[in-house]
Amino acid sequence: MDGIFNFLRSDLFLSLLGGFAIGAAGLALIKPASASDVTVEAAQSISIGDAPYEAVSHVP
């Protein structure tokens, strides 16, 4: 029984409890992204790269 009380008062348990509390608070404050969220603008995109092969002029 003393071992359980010593563990509950140990730095390991207190840091695990604190990390769990911070994680739970973070999940409560920040809404996780959802795959079914339809408000995301999926049509917008940025393409970075060379022009298509057909459009490049190879005249010396």
C-alpha atoms as a PDB file:
ATOM      1  CA  MET A   1       0.000   0.000   0.000  1.00  0.00           C
ATOM      2  CA  ASP A   2       2.870   2.357   0.761  1.00  0.00           C
ATOM      3  CA  GLY A   3       4.278   1.616  -2.703  1.00  0.00           C
ATOM      4  CA  ILE A   4       1.103   2.907  -4.365  1.00  0.00           C
ATOM      5  CA  PHE A   5       1.173   6.135  -2.337  1.00  0.00           C
ATOM      6  CA  ASN A   6       4.861   6.595  -3.074  1.00  0.00           C
ATOM      7  CA  PHE A   7       4.182   6.167  -6.803  1.00  0.00           C
ATOM      8  CA  LEU A   8       1.294   8.658  -6.725  1.00  0.00           C
ATOM      9  CA  ARG A   9       3.615  11.211  -5.120  1.00  0.00           C
ATOM     10  CA  SER A  10       6.542  10.469  -7.452  1.00  0.00           C
ATOM     11  CA  ASP A  11       7.835  12.834 -10.136  1.00  0.00           C
ATOM     12  CA  LEU A  12       7.070  10.265 -12.834  1.00  0.00           C
ATOM     13  CA  PHE A  13       3.377  10.075 -11.963  1.00  0.00           C
ATOM     14  CA  LEU A  14       3.051  13.836 -11.571  1.00  0.00           C
ATOM     15  CA  SER A  15       4.665  14.468 -14.945  1.00  0.00           C
ATOM     16  CA  LEU A  16       2.464  11.834 -16.623  1.00  0.00           C
ATOM     17  CA  LEU A  17      -0.605  13.391 -15.035  1.00  0.00           C
ATOM     18  CA  GLY A  18       0.477  16.879 -16.105  1.00  0.00           C
ATOM     19  CA  GLY A  19       1.114  15.736 -19.688  1.00  0.00           C
ATOM     20  CA  PHE A  20      -2.287  14.089 -19.829  1.00  0.00           C
ATOM     21  CA  ALA A  21      -3.946  17.254 -18.507  1.00  0.00           C
ATOM     22  CA  ILE A  22      -2.153  19.439 -21.060  1.00  0.00           C
ATOM     23  CA  GLY A  23      -3.102  17.052 -23.880  1.00  0.00           C
ATOM     24  CA  ALA A  24      -6.748  16.930 -22.811  1.00  0.00           C
ATOM     25  CA  ALA A  25      -6.871  20.728 -22.577  1.00  0.00           C
ATOM     26  CA  GLY A  26      -5.294  21.031 -26.032  1.00  0.00           C
ATOM     27  CA  LEU A  27      -7.846  18.684 -27.558  1.00  0.00           C
ATOM     28  CA  ALA A  28     -10.657  20.613 -25.894  1.00  0.00           C
ATOM     29  CA  LEU A  29      -9.391  23.973 -27.178  1.00  0.00           C
ATOM     30  CA  ILE A  30      -8.325  23.004 -30.705  1.00  0.00           C
ATOM     31  CA  LYS A  31     -10.821  21.328 -33.017  1.00  0.00           C
ATOM     32  CA  PRO A  32      -9.059  18.493 -34.880  1.00  0.00           C
ATOM     33  CA  ALA A  33      -9.303  18.434 -38.677  1.00  0.00           C
ATOM     34  CA  SER A  34     -12.034  16.285 -40.115  1.00  0.00           C
ATOM     35  CA  ALA A  35     -11.952  14.437 -43.436  1.00  0.00           C
ATOM     36  CA  SER A  36     -15.647  15.166 -43.928  1.00  0.00           C
ATOM     37  CA  ASP A  37     -15.243  18.940 -43.515  1.00  0.00           C
ATOM     38  CA  VAL A  38     -16.846  20.454 -46.631  1.00  0.00           C
ATOM     39  CA  THR A  39     -15.828  24.067 -45.904  1.00  0.00           C
ATOM     40  CA  VAL A  40     -12.298  23.483 -47.210  1.00  0.00           C
ATOM     41  CA  GLU A  41     -11.620  25.015 -50.624  1.00  0.00           C
ATOM     42  CA  ALA A  42     -10.280  22.012 -52.538  1.00  0.00           C
ATOM     43  CA  ALA A  43     -10.237  23.759 -55.933  1.00  0.00           C
ATOM     44  CA  GLN A  44      -7.366  26.081 -55.067  1.00  0.00           C
ATOM     45  CA  SER A  45      -3.905  24.792 -55.835  1.00  0.00           C
ATOM     46  CA  ILE A  46      -0.432  26.107 -56.562  1.00  0.00           C
ATOM     47  CA  SER A  47       1.775  24.330 -59.079  1.00  0.00           C
ATOM     48  CA  ILE A  48       5.502  24.978 -59.088  1.00  0.00           C
ATOM     49  CA  GLY A  49       7.589  23.496 -61.851  1.00  0.00           C
ATOM     50  CA  ASP A  50       8.619  23.682 -65.470  1.00  0.00           C
ATOM     51  CA  ALA A  51       6.304  24.279 -68.377  1.00  0.00           C
ATOM     52  CA  PRO A  52       4.928  21.177 -70.107  1.00  0.00           C
ATOM     53  CA  TYR A  53       7.317  19.539 -72.561  1.00  0.00           C
ATOM     54  CA  GLU A  54       5.214  20.522 -75.602  1.00  0.00           C
ATOM     55  CA  ALA A  55       5.228  24.202 -74.648  1.00  0.00           C
ATOM     56  CA  VAL A  56       9.038  24.486 -74.372  1.00  0.00           C
ATOM     57  CA  SER A  57      10.772  25.886 -77.452  1.00  0.00           C
ATOM     58  CA  HIS A  58      14.019  24.079 -78.368  1.00  0.00           C
ATOM     59  CA  VAL A  59      15.221  26.604 -80.951  1.00  0.00           C
ATOM     60  CA  PRO A  60      18.961  27.355 -80.480  1.00  0.00           C
END
